[in-house]
Amino acid sequence: MERRSRSQKKAQVGAVPNPREQTPPKPVPSSPTSASASSSSPSAAAAPPRKVPSLTEFYLVAYNTISAFFWAAVLLRVVLILPLLGPENVAGGTADFARWVQTGALLEIVHSLVGIVKSPVVTTVIQVSSRILLTWGVTYLFPKSGARHLAYSTMLISWSVTEIIRYSFYASNLKGSVPKWLTWLRYNTFFVLYPSGVTSELLVVYASLDDAKQFSVLYYYLLIAIMISYIPGFYTMFTHVLKQRRRAMRQLK
C-alpha cells in the first residue's frame, strides 16, 4: 500500500508544470470541438463577415442618394434666385429642372407596386400624383400665374427640404446606420414643412384658376375639386405621419 501511494504521488507531481521551466509546453492536438471553440472566441466574433448588399439594395441606395442630390440642387437654385431676382423669376430658373426631378418620383410608385419597398401603394400614388399635378398640370400649363407667385418659391423650398431629409434617411437606413439627428429631422420637421407645403400648393393652384378657366371650364372645376380634397387629405396624411413619428421617437429614445 505504501509503494502504491508513493508512485501515485510521484505521478501527480509530474503532472504539475514546473514554475522554473522556461520551455513552452507541447501543444495539445486540436480536436474538432476545440477548433469550433476557438472560432467562436471574442477575437473571431469581433470581425463578422461583411454582408454583401443585394442588387435591389444597391439600386435603392443609388436612387435615394441621387434624388437627395437633385433636390439639393433645386433648393440651391431657389435660394439663389429668390433674393436676387424676386419670386416672379424663380420659375424661369428652376421650373424645368424641378419638374423633371419630381417626375422621377414616379419610380416610387413602381417600387411600391413591384414590392421592393414597403410603402403603401395608395399613399404613394396620392403623394406623387399631387405634385405631378402641380408641376405639369398647373405651373407648366399656366407659367404666367401660379408659377410667378411667391407661393411657388415656398412650395419648392418645402418640397426640397422635405425630400433631402427623406431620401437621405432612406439611403442611410439601407446602409444600416442612420444618425440620430437625421432621424429626428425626418420625424419632426414635417410639423413646419408639411403645412407650409400644402398651403403653398393651394395658393399656387388658386393663383392659376383664372388661366385655368380660360383654358377649360371643366379643368377649372377639377382644380377647385382638388383644392377641396386637400382638407380631408391633409388630415389623413398628417395623422399618418404622426403615428410614424410616435413609433420612431420611442425607438430613438
C-alpha atoms as a PDB file:
ATOM      1  CA  MET A   1       0.000   0.000   0.000  1.00  0.00           C
ATOM      2  CA  GLU A   2       2.874   2.365   0.797  1.00  0.00           C
ATOM      3  CA  ARG A   3       4.586   1.747  -2.576  1.00  0.00           C
ATOM      4  CA  ARG A   4       1.409   2.337  -4.450  1.00  0.00           C
ATOM      5  CA  SER A   5       0.687   5.614  -2.718  1.00  0.00           C
ATOM      6  CA  ARG A   6       4.226   6.860  -3.367  1.00  0.00           C
ATOM      7  CA  SER A   7       4.019   6.018  -7.054  1.00  0.00           C
ATOM      8  CA  GLN A   8       0.698   7.766  -7.284  1.00  0.00           C
ATOM      9  CA  LYS A   9       2.131  10.857  -5.596  1.00  0.00           C
ATOM     10  CA  LYS A  10       5.072  10.816  -7.987  1.00  0.00           C
ATOM     11  CA  ALA A  11       2.749  10.727 -10.967  1.00  0.00           C
ATOM     12  CA  GLN A  12       0.712  13.613  -9.590  1.00  0.00           C
ATOM     13  CA  VAL A  13       3.813  15.744  -9.029  1.00  0.00           C
ATOM     14  CA  GLY A  14       4.957  15.057 -12.557  1.00  0.00           C
ATOM     15  CA  ALA A  15       1.648  16.281 -13.918  1.00  0.00           C
ATOM     16  CA  VAL A  16       2.102  19.752 -12.363  1.00  0.00           C
ATOM     17  CA  PRO A  17       4.112  22.144 -14.553  1.00  0.00           C
ATOM     18  CA  ASN A  18       7.398  23.280 -13.063  1.00  0.00           C
ATOM     19  CA  PRO A  19       7.302  27.027 -12.390  1.00  0.00           C
ATOM     20  CA  ARG A  20      11.017  27.301 -13.322  1.00  0.00           C
ATOM     21  CA  GLU A  21      10.552  25.580 -16.656  1.00  0.00           C
ATOM     22  CA  GLN A  22      11.290  28.043 -19.484  1.00  0.00           C
ATOM     23  CA  THR A  23      10.451  25.922 -22.479  1.00  0.00           C
ATOM     24  CA  PRO A  24       6.876  26.181 -23.741  1.00  0.00           C
ATOM     25  CA  PRO A  25       4.615  23.223 -23.211  1.00  0.00           C
ATOM     26  CA  LYS A  26       3.948  20.966 -26.137  1.00  0.00           C
ATOM     27  CA  PRO A  27       0.790  21.950 -27.985  1.00  0.00           C
ATOM     28  CA  VAL A  28      -2.173  19.734 -27.420  1.00  0.00           C
ATOM     29  CA  PRO A  29      -3.524  18.276 -30.684  1.00  0.00           C
ATOM     30  CA  SER A  30      -6.623  20.186 -31.663  1.00  0.00           C
ATOM     31  CA  SER A  31      -9.911  18.397 -31.997  1.00  0.00           C
ATOM     32  CA  PRO A  32     -12.981  19.474 -33.973  1.00  0.00           C
ATOM     33  CA  THR A  33     -14.533  20.605 -30.699  1.00  0.00           C
ATOM     34  CA  SER A  34     -11.585  22.785 -29.761  1.00  0.00           C
ATOM     35  CA  ALA A  35     -11.425  24.190 -33.298  1.00  0.00           C
ATOM     36  CA  SER A  36     -15.042  25.234 -33.169  1.00  0.00           C
ATOM     37  CA  ALA A  37     -14.484  26.755 -29.723  1.00  0.00           C
ATOM     38  CA  SER A  38     -11.530  28.779 -30.996  1.00  0.00           C
ATOM     39  CA  SER A  39     -13.528  30.017 -33.952  1.00  0.00           C
ATOM     40  CA  SER A  40     -16.176  31.331 -31.560  1.00  0.00           C
ATOM     41  CA  SER A  41     -13.654  33.254 -29.470  1.00  0.00           C
ATOM     42  CA  PRO A  42     -14.145  37.020 -28.920  1.00  0.00           C
ATOM     43  CA  SER A  43     -11.389  37.852 -31.413  1.00  0.00           C
ATOM     44  CA  ALA A  44     -13.142  35.879 -34.130  1.00  0.00           C
ATOM     45  CA  ALA A  45     -16.534  37.313 -33.246  1.00  0.00           C
ATOM     46  CA  ALA A  46     -15.154  40.847 -33.430  1.00  0.00           C
ATOM     47  CA  ALA A  47     -14.837  40.643 -37.217  1.00  0.00           C
ATOM     48  CA  PRO A  48     -18.067  39.151 -38.627  1.00  0.00           C
ATOM     49  CA  PRO A  49     -18.267  38.604 -42.357  1.00  0.00           C
ATOM     50  CA  ARG A  50     -19.413  41.731 -44.139  1.00  0.00           C
ATOM     51  CA  LYS A  51     -22.849  41.489 -45.699  1.00  0.00           C
ATOM     52  CA  VAL A  52     -22.808  41.951 -49.445  1.00  0.00           C
ATOM     53  CA  PRO A  53     -25.695  44.230 -50.499  1.00  0.00           C
ATOM     54  CA  SER A  54     -28.128  42.778 -52.968  1.00  0.00           C
ATOM     55  CA  LEU A  55     -28.736  44.325 -56.368  1.00  0.00           C
ATOM     56  CA  THR A  56     -32.057  45.729 -55.126  1.00  0.00           C
ATOM     57  CA  GLU A  57     -30.414  47.355 -52.087  1.00  0.00           C
ATOM     58  CA  PHE A  58     -27.672  48.809 -54.260  1.00  0.00           C
ATOM     59  CA  TYR A  59     -30.256  50.249 -56.643  1.00  0.00           C
ATOM     60  CA  LEU A  60     -32.341  51.769 -53.838  1.00  0.00           C
ATOM     61  CA  VAL A  61     -29.298  53.354 -52.191  1.00  0.00           C
ATOM     62  CA  ALA A  62     -28.292  54.847 -55.541  1.00  0.00           C
ATOM     63  CA  TYR A  63     -31.834  56.057 -56.261  1.00  0.00           C
ATOM     64  CA  ASN A  64     -32.253  57.748 -52.883  1.00  0.00           C
ATOM     65  CA  THR A  65     -28.780  59.293 -52.934  1.00  0.00           C
ATOM     66  CA  ILE A  66     -29.221  60.729 -56.440  1.00  0.00           C
ATOM     67  CA  SER A  67     -32.712  62.001 -55.569  1.00  0.00           C
ATOM     68  CA  ALA A  68     -31.415  63.790 -52.472  1.00  0.00           C
ATOM     69  CA  PHE A  69     -28.666  65.365 -54.581  1.00  0.00           C
ATOM     70  CA  PHE A  70     -31.119  66.593 -57.235  1.00  0.00           C
ATOM     71  CA  TRP A  71     -33.462  68.117 -54.660  1.00  0.00           C
ATOM     72  CA  ALA A  72     -30.489  69.850 -53.063  1.00  0.00           C
ATOM     73  CA  ALA A  73     -29.785  71.355 -56.488  1.00  0.00           C
ATOM     74  CA  VAL A  74     -33.404  72.544 -56.712  1.00  0.00           C
ATOM     75  CA  LEU A  75     -33.159  74.151 -53.275  1.00  0.00           C
ATOM     76  CA  LEU A  76     -29.887  75.847 -54.164  1.00  0.00           C
ATOM     77  CA  ARG A  77     -31.412  77.354 -57.301  1.00  0.00           C
ATOM     78  CA  VAL A  78     -34.403  78.724 -55.398  1.00  0.00           C
ATOM     79  CA  VAL A  79     -32.411  80.302 -52.561  1.00  0.00           C
ATOM     80  CA  LEU A  80     -30.042  81.931 -55.058  1.00  0.00           C
ATOM     81  CA  ILE A  81     -32.663  83.288 -57.454  1.00  0.00           C
ATOM     82  CA  LEU A  82     -35.332  84.355 -54.933  1.00  0.00           C
ATOM     83  CA  PRO A  83     -33.399  87.144 -53.163  1.00  0.00           C
ATOM     84  CA  LEU A  84     -31.563  88.287 -56.296  1.00  0.00           C
ATOM     85  CA  LEU A  85     -34.296  88.332 -58.954  1.00  0.00           C
ATOM     86  CA  GLY A  86     -37.520  88.085 -56.962  1.00  0.00           C
ATOM     87  CA  PRO A  87     -40.206  85.382 -56.738  1.00  0.00           C
ATOM     88  CA  GLU A  88     -41.569  86.145 -60.196  1.00  0.00           C
ATOM     89  CA  ASN A  89     -38.305  84.919 -61.755  1.00  0.00           C
ATOM     90  CA  VAL A  90     -37.790  81.763 -59.684  1.00  0.00           C
ATOM     91  CA  ALA A  91     -39.769  79.586 -62.075  1.00  0.00           C
ATOM     92  CA  GLY A  92     -37.658  80.748 -65.012  1.00  0.00           C
ATOM     93  CA  GLY A  93     -34.547  79.268 -63.430  1.00  0.00           C
ATOM     94  CA  THR A  94     -35.987  76.263 -61.659  1.00  0.00           C
ATOM     95  CA  ALA A  95     -39.307  75.119 -63.172  1.00  0.00           C
ATOM     96  CA  ASP A  96     -37.973  72.826 -65.910  1.00  0.00           C
ATOM     97  CA  PHE A  97     -35.370  71.200 -63.670  1.00  0.00           C
ATOM     98  CA  ALA A  98     -37.731  70.813 -60.699  1.00  0.00           C
ATOM     99  CA  ARG A  99     -40.427  69.398 -62.973  1.00  0.00           C
ATOM    100  CA  TRP A 100     -38.220  66.555 -64.205  1.00  0.00           C
ATOM    101  CA  VAL A 101     -36.799  65.880 -60.748  1.00  0.00           C
ATOM    102  CA  GLN A 102     -40.344  65.476 -59.447  1.00  0.00           C
ATOM    103  CA  THR A 103     -41.288  63.346 -62.458  1.00  0.00           C
ATOM    104  CA  GLY A 104     -38.540  60.943 -61.442  1.00  0.00           C
ATOM    105  CA  ALA A 105     -40.549  60.236 -58.295  1.00  0.00           C
ATOM    106  CA  LEU A 106     -42.944  58.207 -60.454  1.00  0.00           C
ATOM    107  CA  LEU A 107     -40.439  55.412 -59.943  1.00  0.00           C
ATOM    108  CA  GLU A 108     -41.562  55.280 -56.312  1.00  0.00           C
ATOM    109  CA  ILE A 109     -44.990  54.119 -57.467  1.00  0.00           C
ATOM    110  CA  VAL A 110     -43.261  51.373 -59.458  1.00  0.00           C
ATOM    111  CA  HIS A 111     -41.159  50.436 -56.416  1.00  0.00           C
ATOM    112  CA  SER A 112     -44.301  50.100 -54.321  1.00  0.00           C
ATOM    113  CA  LEU A 113     -46.211  48.161 -56.985  1.00  0.00           C
ATOM    114  CA  VAL A 114     -43.489  45.560 -57.551  1.00  0.00           C
ATOM    115  CA  GLY A 115     -42.867  45.237 -53.813  1.00  0.00           C
ATOM    116  CA  ILE A 116     -39.230  46.270 -53.489  1.00  0.00           C
ATOM    117  CA  VAL A 117     -40.288  48.817 -50.841  1.00  0.00           C
ATOM    118  CA  LYS A 118     -42.927  48.586 -48.118  1.00  0.00           C
ATOM    119  CA  SER A 119     -44.642  51.892 -48.863  1.00  0.00           C
ATOM    120  CA  PRO A 120     -48.435  51.605 -49.335  1.00  0.00           C
ATOM    121  CA  VAL A 121     -49.359  51.964 -52.998  1.00  0.00           C
ATOM    122  CA  VAL A 122     -52.340  54.269 -52.390  1.00  0.00           C
ATOM    123  CA  THR A 123     -50.386  56.668 -50.156  1.00  0.00           C
ATOM    124  CA  THR A 124     -47.504  56.783 -52.623  1.00  0.00           C
ATOM    125  CA  VAL A 125     -49.824  57.451 -55.563  1.00  0.00           C
ATOM    126  CA  ILE A 126     -51.549  60.313 -53.707  1.00  0.00           C
ATOM    127  CA  GLN A 127     -48.301  61.990 -52.722  1.00  0.00           C
ATOM    128  CA  VAL A 128     -46.608  61.678 -56.109  1.00  0.00           C
ATOM    129  CA  SER A 129     -49.650  62.455 -58.278  1.00  0.00           C
ATOM    130  CA  SER A 130     -50.476  65.640 -56.361  1.00  0.00           C
ATOM    131  CA  ARG A 131     -47.024  67.009 -57.092  1.00  0.00           C
ATOM    132  CA  ILE A 132     -47.146  65.887 -60.699  1.00  0.00           C
ATOM    133  CA  LEU A 133     -50.379  67.876 -60.990  1.00  0.00           C
ATOM    134  CA  LEU A 134     -48.659  70.975 -59.588  1.00  0.00           C
ATOM    135  CA  THR A 135     -45.574  70.701 -61.802  1.00  0.00           C
ATOM    136  CA  TRP A 136     -47.215  69.631 -65.077  1.00  0.00           C
ATOM    137  CA  GLY A 137     -50.915  70.436 -64.699  1.00  0.00           C
ATOM    138  CA  VAL A 138     -50.599  73.900 -63.163  1.00  0.00           C
ATOM    139  CA  THR A 139     -47.204  75.629 -63.358  1.00  0.00           C
ATOM    140  CA  TYR A 140     -46.348  74.128 -66.751  1.00  0.00           C
ATOM    141  CA  LEU A 141     -49.742  74.968 -68.278  1.00  0.00           C
ATOM    142  CA  PHE A 142     -50.003  78.390 -66.639  1.00  0.00           C
ATOM    143  CA  PRO A 143     -46.462  79.741 -66.246  1.00  0.00           C
ATOM    144  CA  LYS A 144     -47.604  83.382 -66.000  1.00  0.00           C
ATOM    145  CA  SER A 145     -49.873  82.960 -62.972  1.00  0.00           C
ATOM    146  CA  GLY A 146     -49.182  80.313 -60.339  1.00  0.00           C
ATOM    147  CA  ALA A 147     -45.549  79.867 -61.311  1.00  0.00           C
ATOM    148  CA  ARG A 148     -44.842  83.574 -60.740  1.00  0.00           C
ATOM    149  CA  HIS A 149     -46.453  83.664 -57.301  1.00  0.00           C
ATOM    150  CA  LEU A 150     -44.328  83.770 -54.132  1.00  0.00           C
ATOM    151  CA  ALA A 151     -46.056  80.548 -53.090  1.00  0.00           C
ATOM    152  CA  TYR A 152     -44.236  78.744 -55.912  1.00  0.00           C
ATOM    153  CA  SER A 153     -40.910  79.521 -54.229  1.00  0.00           C
ATOM    154  CA  THR A 154     -42.091  78.477 -50.776  1.00  0.00           C
ATOM    155  CA  MET A 155     -43.577  75.319 -52.289  1.00  0.00           C
ATOM    156  CA  LEU A 156     -40.252  74.318 -53.836  1.00  0.00           C
ATOM    157  CA  ILE A 157     -38.397  75.129 -50.615  1.00  0.00           C
ATOM    158  CA  SER A 158     -40.786  72.954 -48.582  1.00  0.00           C
ATOM    159  CA  TRP A 159     -40.567  70.128 -51.108  1.00  0.00           C
ATOM    160  CA  SER A 160     -36.782  70.323 -51.392  1.00  0.00           C
ATOM    161  CA  VAL A 161     -36.000  70.316 -47.674  1.00  0.00           C
ATOM    162  CA  THR A 162     -38.504  67.504 -47.098  1.00  0.00           C
ATOM    163  CA  GLU A 163     -37.056  65.360 -49.860  1.00  0.00           C
ATOM    164  CA  ILE A 164     -33.419  65.974 -48.957  1.00  0.00           C
ATOM    165  CA  ILE A 165     -34.134  64.726 -45.440  1.00  0.00           C
ATOM    166  CA  ARG A 166     -36.371  61.861 -46.579  1.00  0.00           C
ATOM    167  CA  TYR A 167     -34.082  60.474 -49.266  1.00  0.00           C
ATOM    168  CA  SER A 168     -31.003  60.863 -47.052  1.00  0.00           C
ATOM    169  CA  PHE A 169     -32.811  58.985 -44.281  1.00  0.00           C
ATOM    170  CA  TYR A 170     -33.769  56.142 -46.628  1.00  0.00           C
ATOM    171  CA  ALA A 171     -30.261  55.854 -48.072  1.00  0.00           C
ATOM    172  CA  SER A 172     -28.703  55.779 -44.587  1.00  0.00           C
ATOM    173  CA  ASN A 173     -31.267  53.244 -43.395  1.00  0.00           C
ATOM    174  CA  LEU A 174     -30.441  50.930 -46.295  1.00  0.00           C
ATOM    175  CA  LYS A 175     -26.753  51.212 -45.415  1.00  0.00           C
ATOM    176  CA  GLY A 176     -27.587  50.186 -41.846  1.00  0.00           C
ATOM    177  CA  SER A 177     -26.555  53.356 -39.993  1.00  0.00           C
ATOM    178  CA  VAL A 178     -28.923  56.293 -39.525  1.00  0.00           C
ATOM    179  CA  PRO A 179     -27.616  59.207 -37.429  1.00  0.00           C
ATOM    180  CA  LYS A 180     -29.926  60.200 -34.590  1.00  0.00           C
ATOM    181  CA  TRP A 181     -30.057  63.793 -35.793  1.00  0.00           C
ATOM    182  CA  LEU A 182     -31.262  62.635 -39.213  1.00  0.00           C
ATOM    183  CA  THR A 183     -33.973  60.501 -37.611  1.00  0.00           C
ATOM    184  CA  TRP A 184     -35.054  63.487 -35.539  1.00  0.00           C
ATOM    185  CA  LEU A 185     -35.254  65.692 -38.631  1.00  0.00           C
ATOM    186  CA  ARG A 186     -37.153  63.026 -40.555  1.00  0.00           C
ATOM    187  CA  TYR A 187     -39.934  62.809 -37.967  1.00  0.00           C
ATOM    188  CA  ASN A 188     -40.122  66.385 -36.642  1.00  0.00           C
ATOM    189  CA  THR A 189     -39.582  68.864 -39.480  1.00  0.00           C
ATOM    190  CA  PHE A 190     -42.902  67.861 -41.044  1.00  0.00           C
ATOM    191  CA  PHE A 191     -44.642  69.971 -38.345  1.00  0.00           C
ATOM    192  CA  VAL A 192     -43.475  73.009 -40.335  1.00  0.00           C
ATOM    193  CA  LEU A 193     -42.733  71.676 -43.814  1.00  0.00           C
ATOM    194  CA  TYR A 194     -45.980  69.794 -44.400  1.00  0.00           C
ATOM    195  CA  PRO A 195     -48.362  72.708 -43.590  1.00  0.00           C
ATOM    196  CA  SER A 196     -46.143  75.165 -45.478  1.00  0.00           C
ATOM    197  CA  GLY A 197     -46.010  72.856 -48.485  1.00  0.00           C
ATOM    198  CA  VAL A 198     -49.759  72.259 -48.563  1.00  0.00           C
ATOM    199  CA  THR A 199     -50.542  75.957 -48.098  1.00  0.00           C
ATOM    200  CA  SER A 200     -48.135  76.883 -50.883  1.00  0.00           C
ATOM    201  CA  GLU A 201     -49.657  74.286 -53.211  1.00  0.00           C
ATOM    202  CA  LEU A 202     -53.160  75.627 -52.604  1.00  0.00           C
ATOM    203  CA  LEU A 203     -52.034  79.202 -53.247  1.00  0.00           C
ATOM    204  CA  VAL A 204     -50.329  78.197 -56.493  1.00  0.00           C
ATOM    205  CA  VAL A 205     -53.492  76.468 -57.703  1.00  0.00           C
ATOM    206  CA  TYR A 206     -55.670  79.391 -56.588  1.00  0.00           C
ATOM    207  CA  ALA A 207     -53.462  81.868 -58.429  1.00  0.00           C
ATOM    208  CA  SER A 208     -53.861  79.787 -61.608  1.00  0.00           C
ATOM    209  CA  LEU A 209     -57.659  79.471 -61.550  1.00  0.00           C
ATOM    210  CA  ASP A 210     -58.324  82.386 -63.903  1.00  0.00           C
ATOM    211  CA  ASP A 211     -55.985  80.974 -66.536  1.00  0.00           C
ATOM    212  CA  ALA A 212     -57.449  77.507 -65.970  1.00  0.00           C
ATOM    213  CA  LYS A 213     -60.964  78.836 -66.592  1.00  0.00           C
ATOM    214  CA  GLN A 214     -59.886  80.306 -69.899  1.00  0.00           C
ATOM    215  CA  PHE A 215     -58.143  77.056 -70.746  1.00  0.00           C
ATOM    216  CA  SER A 216     -61.130  74.836 -69.908  1.00  0.00           C
ATOM    217  CA  VAL A 217     -64.141  75.319 -67.665  1.00  0.00           C
ATOM    218  CA  LEU A 218     -64.105  71.614 -66.848  1.00  0.00           C
ATOM    219  CA  TYR A 219     -60.452  71.818 -65.835  1.00  0.00           C
ATOM    220  CA  TYR A 220     -61.245  74.895 -63.752  1.00  0.00           C
ATOM    221  CA  TYR A 221     -63.807  72.987 -61.705  1.00  0.00           C
ATOM    222  CA  LEU A 222     -61.496  69.998 -61.496  1.00  0.00           C
ATOM    223  CA  LEU A 223     -58.840  72.157 -59.846  1.00  0.00           C
ATOM    224  CA  ILE A 224     -61.431  73.516 -57.411  1.00  0.00           C
ATOM    225  CA  ALA A 225     -62.465  69.973 -56.513  1.00  0.00           C
ATOM    226  CA  ILE A 226     -58.815  69.047 -55.962  1.00  0.00           C
ATOM    227  CA  MET A 227     -58.373  72.048 -53.680  1.00  0.00           C
ATOM    228  CA  ILE A 228     -61.372  70.915 -51.607  1.00  0.00           C
ATOM    229  CA  SER A 229     -59.950  67.386 -51.417  1.00  0.00           C
ATOM    230  CA  TYR A 230     -56.879  68.805 -49.690  1.00  0.00           C
ATOM    231  CA  ILE A 231     -58.902  69.211 -46.481  1.00  0.00           C
ATOM    232  CA  PRO A 232     -59.507  65.507 -45.739  1.00  0.00           C
ATOM    233  CA  GLY A 233     -56.249  64.604 -47.469  1.00  0.00           C
ATOM    234  CA  PHE A 234     -54.231  66.846 -45.167  1.00  0.00           C
ATOM    235  CA  TYR A 235     -55.841  65.334 -42.077  1.00  0.00           C
ATOM    236  CA  THR A 236     -55.264  61.768 -43.279  1.00  0.00           C
ATOM    237  CA  MET A 237     -51.618  62.279 -44.223  1.00  0.00           C
ATOM    238  CA  PHE A 238     -50.777  64.377 -41.151  1.00  0.00           C
ATOM    239  CA  THR A 239     -52.208  61.849 -38.710  1.00  0.00           C
ATOM    240  CA  HIS A 240     -50.436  59.034 -40.594  1.00  0.00           C
ATOM    241  CA  VAL A 241     -47.086  60.782 -40.185  1.00  0.00           C
ATOM    242  CA  LEU A 242     -47.868  61.466 -36.510  1.00  0.00           C
ATOM    243  CA  LYS A 243     -48.260  57.721 -35.912  1.00  0.00           C
ATOM    244  CA  GLN A 244     -44.955  57.064 -37.644  1.00  0.00           C
ATOM    245  CA  ARG A 245     -43.324  59.770 -35.540  1.00  0.00           C
ATOM    246  CA  ARG A 246     -44.506  58.253 -32.247  1.00  0.00           C
ATOM    247  CA  ARG A 247     -43.016  54.888 -33.161  1.00  0.00           C
ATOM    248  CA  ALA A 248     -39.760  56.422 -34.376  1.00  0.00           C
ATOM    249  CA  MET A 249     -39.328  58.608 -31.284  1.00  0.00           C
ATOM    250  CA  ARG A 250     -39.873  55.620 -28.980  1.00  0.00           C
ATOM    251  CA  GLN A 251     -37.189  53.678 -30.818  1.00  0.00           C
ATOM    252  CA  LEU A 252     -34.861  56.693 -30.814  1.00  0.00           C
ATOM    253  CA  LYS A 253     -35.126  57.012 -27.023  1.00  0.00           C
END
